[in-house]
N, C-alpha and C. Protein backbone atom coordinates (compact mmCIF):
# COMPACT_ATOMS: atom_id res chain seq x y z
N MET A 1 0.84 -1.17 0.00
CA MET A 1 0.00 0.00 0.00
C MET A 1 0.89 1.24 0.00
N LYS A 2 0.65 2.18 -0.91
CA LYS A 2 1.44 3.41 -1.01
C LYS A 2 0.71 4.56 -0.33
N TYR A 3 1.47 5.37 0.37
CA TYR A 3 0.90 6.54 1.04
C TYR A 3 1.47 7.78 0.39
N MET A 4 0.66 8.79 0.23
CA MET A 4 1.11 10.06 -0.33
C MET A 4 1.05 11.10 0.77
N ILE A 5 2.14 11.82 0.95
CA ILE A 5 2.20 12.85 1.98
C ILE A 5 2.18 14.20 1.28
N THR A 6 1.31 15.07 1.74
CA THR A 6 1.21 16.42 1.19
C THR A 6 1.78 17.40 2.20
N LEU A 7 2.68 18.25 1.71
CA LEU A 7 3.32 19.24 2.56
C LEU A 7 2.87 20.62 2.09
N THR A 8 2.38 21.42 3.01
CA THR A 8 1.91 22.75 2.67
C THR A 8 2.87 23.78 3.27
N ILE A 9 3.42 24.63 2.40
CA ILE A 9 4.33 25.68 2.83
C ILE A 9 3.76 27.02 2.38
N PRO A 10 3.72 27.97 3.27
CA PRO A 10 3.22 29.28 2.87
C PRO A 10 4.07 29.86 1.73
N LYS A 11 3.44 30.58 0.82
CA LYS A 11 4.11 31.12 -0.36
C LYS A 11 5.31 32.00 0.02
N LYS A 12 5.14 32.82 1.04
CA LYS A 12 6.21 33.73 1.47
C LYS A 12 7.43 32.94 1.96
N GLU A 13 7.18 31.89 2.73
CA GLU A 13 8.27 31.06 3.26
C GLU A 13 8.99 30.32 2.13
N LEU A 14 8.21 29.79 1.17
CA LEU A 14 8.80 29.10 0.03
C LEU A 14 9.66 30.05 -0.79
N LYS A 15 9.17 31.25 -1.00
CA LYS A 15 9.91 32.27 -1.75
C LYS A 15 11.23 32.60 -1.06
N THR A 16 11.21 32.72 0.26
CA THR A 16 12.41 33.02 1.04
C THR A 16 13.43 31.89 0.92
N VAL A 17 12.97 30.65 1.03
CA VAL A 17 13.87 29.50 0.93
C VAL A 17 14.50 29.41 -0.46
N VAL A 18 13.69 29.64 -1.50
CA VAL A 18 14.21 29.59 -2.87
C VAL A 18 15.22 30.72 -3.09
N LYS A 19 14.92 31.92 -2.61
CA LYS A 19 15.86 33.05 -2.76
C LYS A 19 17.20 32.76 -2.09
N GLU A 20 17.15 32.20 -0.88
CA GLU A 20 18.39 31.88 -0.16
C GLU A 20 19.19 30.82 -0.91
N SER A 21 18.50 29.82 -1.43
CA SER A 21 19.18 28.74 -2.17
C SER A 21 19.82 29.27 -3.44
N VAL A 22 19.10 30.08 -4.17
CA VAL A 22 19.64 30.66 -5.41
C VAL A 22 20.83 31.55 -5.08
N ARG A 23 20.73 32.32 -4.01
CA ARG A 23 21.83 33.21 -3.60
C ARG A 23 23.08 32.40 -3.26
N GLU A 24 22.92 31.29 -2.55
CA GLU A 24 24.05 30.44 -2.18
C GLU A 24 24.73 29.85 -3.42
N VAL A 25 23.93 29.34 -4.35
CA VAL A 25 24.49 28.75 -5.57
C VAL A 25 25.18 29.82 -6.39
N PHE A 26 24.56 30.98 -6.52
CA PHE A 26 25.16 32.07 -7.28
C PHE A 26 26.49 32.49 -6.67
N GLU A 27 26.53 32.57 -5.35
CA GLU A 27 27.77 32.96 -4.66
C GLU A 27 28.88 31.93 -4.92
N GLN A 28 28.55 30.64 -4.86
CA GLN A 28 29.53 29.59 -5.12
C GLN A 28 30.05 29.65 -6.55
N GLU A 29 29.15 29.83 -7.50
CA GLU A 29 29.55 29.89 -8.90
C GLU A 29 30.37 31.14 -9.18
N LEU A 30 30.04 32.25 -8.54
CA LEU A 30 30.81 33.48 -8.71
C LEU A 30 32.22 33.31 -8.17
N MET A 31 32.37 32.61 -7.04
CA MET A 31 33.70 32.36 -6.49
C MET A 31 34.52 31.50 -7.46
N LYS A 32 33.90 30.49 -8.07
CA LYS A 32 34.60 29.66 -9.04
C LYS A 32 35.05 30.51 -10.23
N PHE A 33 34.17 31.38 -10.70
CA PHE A 33 34.49 32.24 -11.84
C PHE A 33 35.65 33.18 -11.50
N ARG A 34 35.63 33.75 -10.31
CA ARG A 34 36.72 34.64 -9.89
C ARG A 34 38.04 33.88 -9.81
N ALA A 35 38.00 32.64 -9.31
CA ALA A 35 39.22 31.83 -9.20
C ALA A 35 39.79 31.54 -10.59
N LEU A 36 38.93 31.35 -11.57
CA LEU A 36 39.41 31.10 -12.94
C LEU A 36 40.09 32.33 -13.53
N LEU A 37 39.66 33.52 -13.09
CA LEU A 37 40.22 34.76 -13.64
C LEU A 37 41.51 35.20 -12.96
N LEU A 38 41.85 34.58 -11.84
CA LEU A 38 43.07 34.95 -11.14
C LEU A 38 44.29 34.60 -11.98
N LEU A 39 45.20 35.53 -12.06
CA LEU A 39 46.43 35.30 -12.80
C LEU A 39 47.47 34.69 -11.87
N SER A 40 48.25 33.78 -12.38
CA SER A 40 49.32 33.22 -11.58
C SER A 40 50.64 33.88 -12.00
N ALA A 41 51.53 34.01 -11.05
CA ALA A 41 52.82 34.64 -11.31
C ALA A 41 53.88 33.56 -11.49
N SER A 42 54.80 33.80 -12.41
CA SER A 42 55.91 32.87 -12.59
C SER A 42 56.84 32.99 -11.37
N GLN A 43 57.78 32.06 -11.24
CA GLN A 43 58.71 32.11 -10.11
C GLN A 43 59.53 33.40 -10.14
N LYS A 44 59.93 33.82 -11.34
CA LYS A 44 60.72 35.05 -11.46
C LYS A 44 59.89 36.26 -11.02
N GLU A 45 58.62 36.32 -11.48
CA GLU A 45 57.75 37.42 -11.09
C GLU A 45 57.51 37.42 -9.58
N GLN A 46 57.34 36.23 -9.00
CA GLN A 46 57.11 36.13 -7.56
C GLN A 46 58.33 36.63 -6.79
N LYS A 47 59.53 36.28 -7.25
CA LYS A 47 60.75 36.74 -6.58
C LYS A 47 60.88 38.26 -6.68
N ASP A 48 60.52 38.83 -7.84
CA ASP A 48 60.56 40.29 -8.00
C ASP A 48 59.56 40.97 -7.04
N ILE A 49 58.39 40.39 -6.92
CA ILE A 49 57.37 40.94 -6.03
C ILE A 49 57.85 40.88 -4.58
N GLU A 50 58.42 39.74 -4.17
CA GLU A 50 58.93 39.60 -2.81
C GLU A 50 60.10 40.55 -2.55
N LYS A 51 60.90 40.79 -3.57
CA LYS A 51 62.05 41.71 -3.43
C LYS A 51 61.54 43.13 -3.20
N CYS A 52 60.49 43.53 -3.92
CA CYS A 52 59.95 44.88 -3.79
C CYS A 52 59.11 45.07 -2.53
N TYR A 53 58.29 44.08 -2.20
CA TYR A 53 57.30 44.26 -1.15
C TYR A 53 57.51 43.36 0.07
N GLY A 54 58.48 42.47 0.03
CA GLY A 54 58.68 41.53 1.12
C GLY A 54 57.82 40.29 0.95
N LYS A 55 58.12 39.28 1.73
CA LYS A 55 57.36 38.03 1.64
C LYS A 55 55.97 38.23 2.25
N PRO A 56 54.99 37.49 1.73
CA PRO A 56 53.65 37.61 2.31
C PRO A 56 53.61 37.06 3.73
N VAL A 57 52.73 37.64 4.55
CA VAL A 57 52.57 37.16 5.92
C VAL A 57 51.90 35.79 5.89
N ARG A 58 52.15 34.99 6.90
CA ARG A 58 51.63 33.62 6.93
C ARG A 58 50.22 33.53 7.50
N ARG A 59 49.74 34.58 8.19
CA ARG A 59 48.40 34.47 8.77
C ARG A 59 47.37 34.58 7.66
N VAL A 60 46.33 33.80 7.80
CA VAL A 60 45.28 33.73 6.78
C VAL A 60 44.12 34.58 7.23
N ALA A 61 43.70 35.51 6.37
CA ALA A 61 42.57 36.37 6.69
C ALA A 61 41.26 35.60 6.48
N LYS A 62 41.17 34.90 5.34
CA LYS A 62 39.97 34.14 5.04
C LYS A 62 40.37 33.04 4.06
N SER A 63 39.88 31.87 4.29
CA SER A 63 40.23 30.74 3.43
C SER A 63 38.97 29.98 3.04
N ILE A 64 38.79 29.79 1.72
CA ILE A 64 37.63 29.05 1.21
C ILE A 64 38.14 28.03 0.21
N GLU A 65 37.72 26.78 0.35
CA GLU A 65 38.12 25.74 -0.58
C GLU A 65 37.02 25.59 -1.63
N ILE A 66 37.43 25.69 -2.91
CA ILE A 66 36.48 25.60 -4.01
C ILE A 66 36.96 24.56 -5.00
N LYS A 67 36.09 23.65 -5.39
CA LYS A 67 36.42 22.67 -6.42
C LYS A 67 36.09 23.25 -7.79
N ILE A 68 37.07 23.22 -8.67
CA ILE A 68 36.87 23.76 -10.02
C ILE A 68 36.94 22.63 -11.02
């Protein structure tokens, strides 16, 4: 015997949940896009940068892992 369950969600609540979900996905995809646009420096360029400005500090301000 199969049972069917009906779930009723107010329109306003459903709209809020969908907006939050779309916002999260958009944010993740935007981060991936930004990561693709980042330029990498060659070893020579990195040494020149460190010579001019010093080595980067080791403390991390914010770290996010993204699969591309």
